[in-house]
PDB file of all heavy atoms in Angstrom:
ATOM      1  N   THR A   1      -9.036   0.960   8.185  1.00  0.00           N
ATOM      2  CA  THR A   1      -9.710  -0.332   8.056  1.00  0.00           C
ATOM      3  C   THR A   1      -8.812  -1.378   7.425  1.00  0.00           C
ATOM      4  O   THR A   1      -9.279  -2.392   6.943  1.00  0.00           O
ATOM      5  CB  THR A   1     -10.994  -0.207   7.219  1.00  0.00           C
ATOM      6  OG1 THR A   1     -10.663   0.332   5.948  1.00  0.00           O
ATOM      7  CG2 THR A   1     -12.000   0.684   7.921  1.00  0.00           C
ATOM      8  N   GLU A   2      -7.518  -1.128   7.438  1.00  0.00           N
ATOM      9  CA  GLU A   2      -6.606  -2.093   6.834  1.00  0.00           C
ATOM     10  C   GLU A   2      -6.675  -3.399   7.586  1.00  0.00           C
ATOM     11  O   GLU A   2      -6.546  -3.441   8.810  1.00  0.00           O
ATOM     12  CB  GLU A   2      -5.182  -1.552   6.885  1.00  0.00           C
ATOM     13  CG  GLU A   2      -4.185  -2.479   6.214  1.00  0.00           C
ATOM     14  CD  GLU A   2      -2.811  -1.859   6.131  1.00  0.00           C
ATOM     15  OE1 GLU A   2      -2.691  -0.670   6.411  1.00  0.00           O
ATOM     16  OE2 GLU A   2      -1.878  -2.599   5.796  1.00  0.00           O
ATOM     17  N   PRO A   3      -6.929  -4.500   6.908  1.00  0.00           N
ATOM     18  CA  PRO A   3      -7.110  -5.776   7.581  1.00  0.00           C
ATOM     19  C   PRO A   3      -5.884  -6.190   8.368  1.00  0.00           C
ATOM     20  O   PRO A   3      -4.754  -5.921   7.981  1.00  0.00           O
ATOM     21  CB  PRO A   3      -7.376  -6.754   6.430  1.00  0.00           C
ATOM     22  CG  PRO A   3      -7.916  -5.908   5.347  1.00  0.00           C
ATOM     23  CD  PRO A   3      -7.194  -4.596   5.479  1.00  0.00           C
ATOM     24  N   VAL A   4      -6.151  -6.843   9.503  1.00  0.00           N
ATOM     25  CA  VAL A   4      -5.079  -7.425  10.297  1.00  0.00           C
ATOM     26  C   VAL A   4      -4.921  -8.870   9.869  1.00  0.00           C
ATOM     27  O   VAL A   4      -5.854  -9.654   9.981  1.00  0.00           O
ATOM     28  CB  VAL A   4      -5.422  -7.354  11.802  1.00  0.00           C
ATOM     29  CG1 VAL A   4      -4.325  -7.996  12.617  1.00  0.00           C
ATOM     30  CG2 VAL A   4      -5.636  -5.907  12.223  1.00  0.00           C
ATOM     31  N   LEU A   5      -3.762  -9.233   9.348  1.00  0.00           N
ATOM     32  CA  LEU A   5      -3.507 -10.607   8.944  1.00  0.00           C
ATOM     33  C   LEU A   5      -2.813 -11.301  10.096  1.00  0.00           C
ATOM     34  O   LEU A   5      -1.717 -10.911  10.505  1.00  0.00           O
ATOM     35  CB  LEU A   5      -2.625 -10.642   7.695  1.00  0.00           C
ATOM     36  CG  LEU A   5      -3.159  -9.829   6.507  1.00  0.00           C
ATOM     37  CD1 LEU A   5      -2.252 -10.006   5.315  1.00  0.00           C
ATOM     38  CD2 LEU A   5      -4.573 -10.243   6.173  1.00  0.00           C
ATOM     39  N   ILE A   6      -3.446 -12.346  10.628  1.00  0.00           N
ATOM     40  CA  ILE A   6      -2.964 -12.959  11.849  1.00  0.00           C
ATOM     41  C   ILE A   6      -2.649 -14.421  11.628  1.00  0.00           C
ATOM     42  O   ILE A   6      -3.450 -15.168  11.077  1.00  0.00           O
ATOM     43  CB  ILE A   6      -4.010 -12.822  12.972  1.00  0.00           C
ATOM     44  CG1 ILE A   6      -4.353 -11.338  13.151  1.00  0.00           C
ATOM     45  CG2 ILE A   6      -3.495 -13.408  14.267  1.00  0.00           C
ATOM     46  CD1 ILE A   6      -5.450 -11.096  14.123  1.00  0.00           C
ATOM     47  N   ARG A   7      -1.465 -14.833  12.021  1.00  0.00           N
ATOM     48  CA  ARG A   7      -1.093 -16.246  11.935  1.00  0.00           C
ATOM     49  C   ARG A   7      -1.776 -17.018  13.054  1.00  0.00           C
ATOM     50  O   ARG A   7      -2.263 -16.451  14.028  1.00  0.00           O
ATOM     51  CB  ARG A   7       0.428 -16.399  12.066  1.00  0.00           C
ATOM     52  CG  ARG A   7       1.223 -15.676  10.971  1.00  0.00           C
ATOM     53  CD  ARG A   7       2.702 -15.917  11.192  1.00  0.00           C
ATOM     54  NE  ARG A   7       3.530 -15.130  10.311  1.00  0.00           N
ATOM     55  CZ  ARG A   7       3.830 -15.462   9.066  1.00  0.00           C
ATOM     56  NH1 ARG A   7       3.340 -16.557   8.551  1.00  0.00           N
ATOM     57  NH2 ARG A   7       4.603 -14.684   8.327  1.00  0.00           N
ATOM     58  N   SER A   8      -1.768 -18.327  12.920  1.00  0.00           N
ATOM     59  CA  SER A   8      -2.409 -19.157  13.941  1.00  0.00           C
ATOM     60  C   SER A   8      -1.688 -19.084  15.273  1.00  0.00           C
ATOM     61  O   SER A   8      -2.243 -19.411  16.304  1.00  0.00           O
ATOM     62  CB  SER A   8      -2.463 -20.624  13.466  1.00  0.00           C
ATOM     63  OG  SER A   8      -1.169 -21.091  13.189  1.00  0.00           O
ATOM     64  N   ASP A   9      -0.406 -18.613  15.272  1.00  0.00           N
ATOM     65  CA  ASP A   9       0.312 -18.478  16.537  1.00  0.00           C
ATOM     66  C   ASP A   9       0.069 -17.136  17.205  1.00  0.00           C
ATOM     67  O   ASP A   9       0.617 -16.824  18.253  1.00  0.00           O
ATOM     68  CB  ASP A   9       1.829 -18.677  16.341  1.00  0.00           C
ATOM     69  CG  ASP A   9       2.436 -17.629  15.413  1.00  0.00           C
ATOM     70  OD1 ASP A   9       1.706 -16.711  14.993  1.00  0.00           O
ATOM     71  OD2 ASP A   9       3.644 -17.721  15.140  1.00  0.00           O
ATOM     72  N   GLY A  10      -0.765 -16.281  16.560  1.00  0.00           N
ATOM     73  CA  GLY A  10      -1.121 -15.014  17.171  1.00  0.00           C
ATOM     74  C   GLY A  10      -0.319 -13.838  16.680  1.00  0.00           C
ATOM     75  O   GLY A  10      -0.638 -12.687  16.962  1.00  0.00           O
ATOM     76  N   SER A  11       0.754 -14.073  15.918  1.00  0.00           N
ATOM     77  CA  SER A  11       1.573 -12.969  15.438  1.00  0.00           C
ATOM     78  C   SER A  11       0.986 -12.384  14.172  1.00  0.00           C
ATOM     79  O   SER A  11       0.312 -13.064  13.413  1.00  0.00           O
ATOM     80  CB  SER A  11       3.000 -13.449  15.163  1.00  0.00           C
ATOM     81  OG  SER A  11       3.005 -14.424  14.147  1.00  0.00           O
ATOM     82  N   GLU A  12       1.223 -11.078  13.961  1.00  0.00           N
ATOM     83  CA  GLU A  12       0.733 -10.441  12.751  1.00  0.00           C
ATOM     84  C   GLU A  12       1.691 -10.700  11.617  1.00  0.00           C
ATOM     85  O   GLU A  12       2.900 -10.732  11.772  1.00  0.00           O
ATOM     86  CB  GLU A  12       0.581  -8.928  12.971  1.00  0.00           C
ATOM     87  CG  GLU A  12      -0.524  -8.608  13.951  1.00  0.00           C
ATOM     88  CD  GLU A  12      -0.803  -7.131  14.015  1.00  0.00           C
ATOM     89  OE1 GLU A  12      -0.291  -6.409  13.145  1.00  0.00           O
ATOM     90  OE2 GLU A  12      -1.525  -6.705  14.927  1.00  0.00           O
ATOM     91  N   LYS A  13       1.130 -10.900  10.433  1.00  0.00           N
ATOM     92  CA  LYS A  13       1.929 -11.228   9.262  1.00  0.00           C
ATOM     93  C   LYS A  13       2.272  -9.973   8.492  1.00  0.00           C
ATOM     94  O   LYS A  13       1.416  -9.148   8.231  1.00  0.00           O
ATOM     95  CB  LYS A  13       1.132 -12.188   8.357  1.00  0.00           C
ATOM     96  CG  LYS A  13       1.867 -12.511   7.069  1.00  0.00           C
ATOM     97  CD  LYS A  13       1.008 -13.370   6.181  1.00  0.00           C
ATOM     98  CE  LYS A  13       1.698 -13.598   4.848  1.00  0.00           C
ATOM     99  NZ  LYS A  13       0.872 -14.336   3.917  1.00  0.00           N
ATOM    100  N   ASP A  14       3.540  -9.825   8.108  1.00  0.00           N
ATOM    101  CA  ASP A  14       3.943  -8.735   7.233  1.00  0.00           C
ATOM    102  C   ASP A  14       3.491  -9.053   5.833  1.00  0.00           C
ATOM    103  O   ASP A  14       3.666 -10.159   5.342  1.00  0.00           O
ATOM    104  CB  ASP A  14       5.476  -8.568   7.230  1.00  0.00           C
ATOM    105  CG  ASP A  14       5.984  -8.112   8.587  1.00  0.00           C
ATOM    106  OD1 ASP A  14       5.225  -7.389   9.259  1.00  0.00           O
ATOM    107  OD2 ASP A  14       7.106  -8.485   8.961  1.00  0.00           O
ATOM    108  N   ASP A  15       2.925  -8.086   5.158  1.00  0.00           N
ATOM    109  CA  ASP A  15       2.459  -8.296   3.797  1.00  0.00           C
ATOM    110  C   ASP A  15       3.232  -7.372   2.884  1.00  0.00           C
ATOM    111  O   ASP A  15       2.915  -6.208   2.727  1.00  0.00           O
ATOM    112  CB  ASP A  15       0.959  -7.988   3.703  1.00  0.00           C
ATOM    113  CG  ASP A  15       0.379  -8.483   2.399  1.00  0.00           C
ATOM    114  OD1 ASP A  15       1.165  -8.721   1.465  1.00  0.00           O
ATOM    115  OD2 ASP A  15      -0.846  -8.620   2.325  1.00  0.00           O
ATOM    116  N   ASP A  16       4.321  -7.894   2.292  1.00  0.00           N
ATOM    117  CA  ASP A  16       5.184  -7.066   1.476  1.00  0.00           C
ATOM    118  C   ASP A  16       4.476  -6.541   0.254  1.00  0.00           C
ATOM    119  O   ASP A  16       4.800  -5.480  -0.253  1.00  0.00           O
ATOM    120  CB  ASP A  16       6.424  -7.874   1.035  1.00  0.00           C
ATOM    121  CG  ASP A  16       7.280  -8.253   2.236  1.00  0.00           C
ATOM    122  OD1 ASP A  16       7.265  -7.508   3.229  1.00  0.00           O
ATOM    123  OD2 ASP A  16       7.949  -9.289   2.152  1.00  0.00           O
ATOM    124  N   LYS A  17       3.476  -7.296  -0.242  1.00  0.00           N
ATOM    125  CA  LYS A  17       2.805  -6.900  -1.473  1.00  0.00           C
ATOM    126  C   LYS A  17       2.056  -5.589  -1.298  1.00  0.00           C
ATOM    127  O   LYS A  17       1.924  -4.821  -2.225  1.00  0.00           O
ATOM    128  CB  LYS A  17       1.831  -7.988  -1.938  1.00  0.00           C
ATOM    129  CG  LYS A  17       2.530  -9.190  -2.522  1.00  0.00           C
ATOM    130  CD  LYS A  17       1.533 -10.148  -3.105  1.00  0.00           C
ATOM    131  CE  LYS A  17       0.771 -10.899  -2.056  1.00  0.00           C
ATOM    132  NZ  LYS A  17      -0.109 -11.932  -2.589  1.00  0.00           N
ATOM    133  N   SER A  18       1.549  -5.309  -0.069  1.00  0.00           N
ATOM    134  CA  SER A  18       0.759  -4.111   0.115  1.00  0.00           C
ATOM    135  C   SER A  18       1.591  -2.865  -0.121  1.00  0.00           C
ATOM    136  O   SER A  18       1.106  -1.864  -0.633  1.00  0.00           O
ATOM    137  CB  SER A  18       0.178  -4.086   1.531  1.00  0.00           C
ATOM    138  OG  SER A  18       1.211  -4.071   2.480  1.00  0.00           O
ATOM    139  N   ASP A  19       2.893  -2.875   0.245  1.00  0.00           N
ATOM    140  CA  ASP A  19       3.737  -1.711   0.033  1.00  0.00           C
ATOM    141  C   ASP A  19       3.966  -1.468  -1.446  1.00  0.00           C
ATOM    142  O   ASP A  19       4.122  -0.338  -1.885  1.00  0.00           O
ATOM    143  CB  ASP A  19       5.093  -1.908   0.734  1.00  0.00           C
ATOM    144  CG  ASP A  19       4.937  -1.904   2.248  1.00  0.00           C
ATOM    145  OD1 ASP A  19       3.945  -1.318   2.714  1.00  0.00           O
ATOM    146  OD2 ASP A  19       5.783  -2.479   2.937  1.00  0.00           O
ATOM    147  N   ASN A  20       4.023  -2.534  -2.240  1.00  0.00           N
ATOM    148  CA  ASN A  20       4.267  -2.395  -3.665  1.00  0.00           C
ATOM    149  C   ASN A  20       3.054  -1.864  -4.411  1.00  0.00           C
ATOM    150  O   ASN A  20       3.149  -1.506  -5.574  1.00  0.00           O
ATOM    151  CB  ASN A  20       4.663  -3.758  -4.270  1.00  0.00           C
ATOM    152  CG  ASN A  20       5.966  -4.259  -3.701  1.00  0.00           C
ATOM    153  OD1 ASN A  20       6.817  -3.463  -3.340  1.00  0.00           O
ATOM    154  ND2 ASN A  20       6.111  -5.570  -3.619  1.00  0.00           N
ATOM    155  N   CYS A  21       1.919  -1.851  -3.745  1.00  0.00           N
ATOM    156  CA  CYS A  21       0.691  -1.452  -4.416  1.00  0.00           C
ATOM    157  C   CYS A  21       0.355   0.014  -4.197  1.00  0.00           C
ATOM    158  O   CYS A  21      -0.648   0.498  -4.687  1.00  0.00           O
ATOM    159  CB  CYS A  21      -0.490  -2.289  -3.898  1.00  0.00           C
ATOM    160  SG  CYS A  21      -0.308  -4.029  -4.261  1.00  0.00           S
ATOM    161  N   LYS A  22       1.139   0.709  -3.414  1.00  0.00           N
ATOM    162  CA  LYS A  22       0.784   2.072  -3.064  1.00  0.00           C
ATOM    163  C   LYS A  22       1.442   3.077  -3.993  1.00  0.00           C
ATOM    164  O   LYS A  22       2.586   2.929  -4.390  1.00  0.00           O
ATOM    165  CB  LYS A  22       1.196   2.366  -1.614  1.00  0.00           C
ATOM    166  CG  LYS A  22       0.412   1.522  -0.610  1.00  0.00           C
ATOM    167  CD  LYS A  22       0.846   1.805   0.797  1.00  0.00           C
ATOM    168  CE  LYS A  22       0.080   0.948   1.798  1.00  0.00           C
ATOM    169  NZ  LYS A  22       0.540   1.137   3.157  1.00  0.00           N
ATOM    170  N   ILE A  23       0.708   4.140  -4.306  1.00  0.00           N
ATOM    171  CA  ILE A  23       1.232   5.217  -5.139  1.00  0.00           C
ATOM    172  C   ILE A  23       1.771   6.313  -4.227  1.00  0.00           C
ATOM    173  O   ILE A  23       1.106   6.717  -3.274  1.00  0.00           O
ATOM    174  CB  ILE A  23       0.124   5.801  -6.032  1.00  0.00           C
ATOM    175  CG1 ILE A  23      -0.359   4.715  -6.999  1.00  0.00           C
ATOM    176  CG2 ILE A  23       0.611   7.019  -6.804  1.00  0.00           C
ATOM    177  CD1 ILE A  23      -1.542   5.151  -7.826  1.00  0.00           C
ATOM    178  N   ASP A  24       2.953   6.787  -4.497  1.00  0.00           N
ATOM    179  CA  ASP A  24       3.529   7.890  -3.741  1.00  0.00           C
ATOM    180  C   ASP A  24       2.956   9.194  -4.272  1.00  0.00           C
ATOM    181  O   ASP A  24       3.419   9.729  -5.273  1.00  0.00           O
ATOM    182  CB  ASP A  24       5.067   7.871  -3.891  1.00  0.00           C
ATOM    183  CG  ASP A  24       5.723   8.891  -2.974  1.00  0.00           C
ATOM    184  OD1 ASP A  24       4.994   9.783  -2.487  1.00  0.00           O
ATOM    185  OD2 ASP A  24       6.942   8.788  -2.774  1.00  0.00           O
ATOM    186  N   LYS A  25       1.942   9.708  -3.591  1.00  0.00           N
ATOM    187  CA  LYS A  25       1.267  10.900  -4.090  1.00  0.00           C
ATOM    188  C   LYS A  25       2.164  12.129  -3.999  1.00  0.00           C
ATOM    189  O   LYS A  25       1.908  13.142  -4.627  1.00  0.00           O
ATOM    190  CB  LYS A  25      -0.026  11.131  -3.304  1.00  0.00           C
ATOM    191  CG  LYS A  25      -1.068  10.058  -3.569  1.00  0.00           C
ATOM    192  CD  LYS A  25      -2.362  10.385  -2.861  1.00  0.00           C
ATOM    193  CE  LYS A  25      -3.394   9.314  -3.142  1.00  0.00           C
ATOM    194  NZ  LYS A  25      -4.650   9.566  -2.443  1.00  0.00           N
ATOM    195  N   GLY A  26       3.193  12.040  -3.166  1.00  0.00           N
ATOM    196  CA  GLY A  26       4.120  13.148  -3.072  1.00  0.00           C
ATOM    197  C   GLY A  26       4.940  13.282  -4.330  1.00  0.00           C
ATOM    198  O   GLY A  26       5.403  14.362  -4.690  1.00  0.00           O
ATOM    199  N   LYS A  27       5.158  12.177  -5.056  1.00  0.00           N
ATOM    200  CA  LYS A  27       5.935  12.203  -6.289  1.00  0.00           C
ATOM    201  C   LYS A  27       5.071  12.544  -7.489  1.00  0.00           C
ATOM    202  O   LYS A  27       5.455  13.290  -8.364  1.00  0.00           O
ATOM    203  CB  LYS A  27       6.595  10.836  -6.522  1.00  0.00           C
ATOM    204  CG  LYS A  27       7.705  10.511  -5.534  1.00  0.00           C
ATOM    205  CD  LYS A  27       8.315   9.161  -5.879  1.00  0.00           C
ATOM    206  CE  LYS A  27       9.427   8.785  -4.913  1.00  0.00           C
ATOM    207  NZ  LYS A  27      10.003   7.471  -5.236  1.00  0.00           N
ATOM    208  N   VAL A  28       3.881  11.972  -7.533  1.00  0.00           N
ATOM    209  CA  VAL A  28       3.032  12.164  -8.712  1.00  0.00           C
ATOM    210  C   VAL A  28       1.598  12.376  -8.270  1.00  0.00           C
ATOM    211  O   VAL A  28       1.034  11.544  -7.594  1.00  0.00           O
ATOM    212  CB  VAL A  28       3.094  10.931  -9.646  1.00  0.00           C
ATOM    213  CG1 VAL A  28       2.185  11.156 -10.849  1.00  0.00           C
ATOM    214  CG2 VAL A  28       4.514  10.664 -10.087  1.00  0.00           C
ATOM    215  N   ASP A  29       1.022  13.504  -8.622  1.00  0.00           N
ATOM    216  CA  ASP A  29      -0.408  13.737  -8.400  1.00  0.00           C
ATOM    217  C   ASP A  29      -1.116  13.368  -9.688  1.00  0.00           C
ATOM    218  O   ASP A  29      -1.101  14.107 -10.650  1.00  0.00           O
ATOM    219  CB  ASP A  29      -0.647  15.208  -8.055  1.00  0.00           C
ATOM    220  CG  ASP A  29      -2.098  15.461  -7.658  1.00  0.00           C
ATOM    221  OD1 ASP A  29      -2.946  14.639  -8.039  1.00  0.00           O
ATOM    222  OD2 ASP A  29      -2.354  16.470  -6.982  1.00  0.00           O
ATOM    223  N   LYS A  30      -1.736  12.189  -9.689  1.00  0.00           N
ATOM    224  CA  LYS A  30      -2.271  11.666 -10.946  1.00  0.00           C
ATOM    225  C   LYS A  30      -3.383  12.524 -11.524  1.00  0.00           C
ATOM    226  O   LYS A  30      -3.657  12.472 -12.691  1.00  0.00           O
ATOM    227  CB  LYS A  30      -2.761  10.219 -10.754  1.00  0.00           C
ATOM    228  CG  LYS A  30      -3.858  10.019  -9.754  1.00  0.00           C
ATOM    229  CD  LYS A  30      -4.238   8.558  -9.725  1.00  0.00           C
ATOM    230  CE  LYS A  30      -5.319   8.270  -8.705  1.00  0.00           C
ATOM    231  NZ  LYS A  30      -4.867   8.467  -7.342  1.00  0.00           N
ATOM    232  N   GLU A  31      -4.042  13.346 -10.685  1.00  0.00           N
ATOM    233  CA  GLU A  31      -5.106  14.198 -11.184  1.00  0.00           C
ATOM    234  C   GLU A  31      -4.560  15.416 -11.943  1.00  0.00           C
ATOM    235  O   GLU A  31      -5.270  16.075 -12.677  1.00  0.00           O
ATOM    236  CB  GLU A  31      -5.975  14.673 -10.016  1.00  0.00           C
ATOM    237  CG  GLU A  31      -6.767  13.541  -9.384  1.00  0.00           C
ATOM    238  CD  GLU A  31      -7.639  14.032  -8.253  1.00  0.00           C
ATOM    239  OE1 GLU A  31      -7.552  15.225  -7.918  1.00  0.00           O
ATOM    240  OE2 GLU A  31      -8.391  13.219  -7.713  1.00  0.00           O
ATOM    241  N   LYS A  32      -3.265  15.732 -11.719  1.00  0.00           N
ATOM    242  CA  LYS A  32      -2.690  16.924 -12.334  1.00  0.00           C
ATOM    243  C   LYS A  32      -1.714  16.585 -13.455  1.00  0.00           C
ATOM    244  O   LYS A  32      -1.034  17.465 -13.973  1.00  0.00           O
ATOM    245  CB  LYS A  32      -1.973  17.754 -11.266  1.00  0.00           C
ATOM    246  CG  LYS A  32      -2.923  18.299 -10.212  1.00  0.00           C
ATOM    247  CD  LYS A  32      -2.178  19.124  -9.187  1.00  0.00           C
ATOM    248  CE  LYS A  32      -3.127  19.666  -8.129  1.00  0.00           C
ATOM    249  NZ  LYS A  32      -2.418  20.460  -7.113  1.00  0.00           N
ATOM    250  N   ILE A  33      -1.601  15.322 -13.828  1.00  0.00           N
ATOM    251  CA  ILE A  33      -0.654  14.940 -14.871  1.00  0.00           C
ATOM    252  C   ILE A  33      -1.135  15.447 -16.221  1.00  0.00           C
ATOM    253  O   ILE A  33      -2.255  15.185 -16.633  1.00  0.00           O
ATOM    254  CB  ILE A  33      -0.484  13.407 -14.913  1.00  0.00           C
ATOM    255  CG1 ILE A  33       0.275  12.949 -13.672  1.00  0.00           C
ATOM    256  CG2 ILE A  33       0.262  12.992 -16.173  1.00  0.00           C
ATOM    257  CD1 ILE A  33       0.429  11.459 -13.594  1.00  0.00           C
ATOM    258  N   ASP A  34      -0.303  16.179 -16.893  1.00  0.00           N
ATOM    259  CA  ASP A  34      -0.581  16.656 -18.239  1.00  0.00           C
ATOM    260  C   ASP A  34       0.477  16.045 -19.132  1.00  0.00           C
ATOM    261  O   ASP A  34       1.640  16.411 -19.066  1.00  0.00           O
ATOM    262  CB  ASP A  34      -0.515  18.193 -18.280  1.00  0.00           C
ATOM    263  CG  ASP A  34      -0.814  18.749 -19.670  1.00  0.00           C
ATOM    264  OD1 ASP A  34      -0.867  17.952 -20.637  1.00  0.00           O
ATOM    265  OD2 ASP A  34      -0.991  19.956 -19.780  1.00  0.00           O
ATOM    266  N   LYS A  35       0.073  15.075 -19.941  1.00  0.00           N
ATOM    267  CA  LYS A  35       1.062  14.345 -20.727  1.00  0.00           C
ATOM    268  C   LYS A  35       1.837  15.256 -21.667  1.00  0.00           C
ATOM    269  O   LYS A  35       2.947  14.936 -22.074  1.00  0.00           O
ATOM    270  CB  LYS A  35       0.364  13.231 -21.513  1.00  0.00           C
ATOM    271  CG  LYS A  35      -0.175  12.112 -20.633  1.00  0.00           C
ATOM    272  CD  LYS A  35      -0.767  11.003 -21.462  1.00  0.00           C
ATOM    273  CE  LYS A  35      -1.287   9.892 -20.575  1.00  0.00           C
ATOM    274  NZ  LYS A  35      -1.903   8.800 -21.361  1.00  0.00           N
ATOM    275  N   GLY A  36       1.254  16.428 -22.006  1.00  0.00           N
ATOM    276  CA  GLY A  36       1.954  17.332 -22.889  1.00  0.00           C
ATOM    277  C   GLY A  36       3.062  18.090 -22.192  1.00  0.00           C
ATOM    278  O   GLY A  36       3.982  18.591 -22.828  1.00  0.00           O
TER     279      GLY A  36
END
């Protein structure tokens, strides 16, 4: 359901911010983090 961002000329817009907002679950499983 990721929104399609569309310019008035019909082309889709790249949204660089969306990539910066994602957590790499392969690196860190936040449910299993034990700070100790």
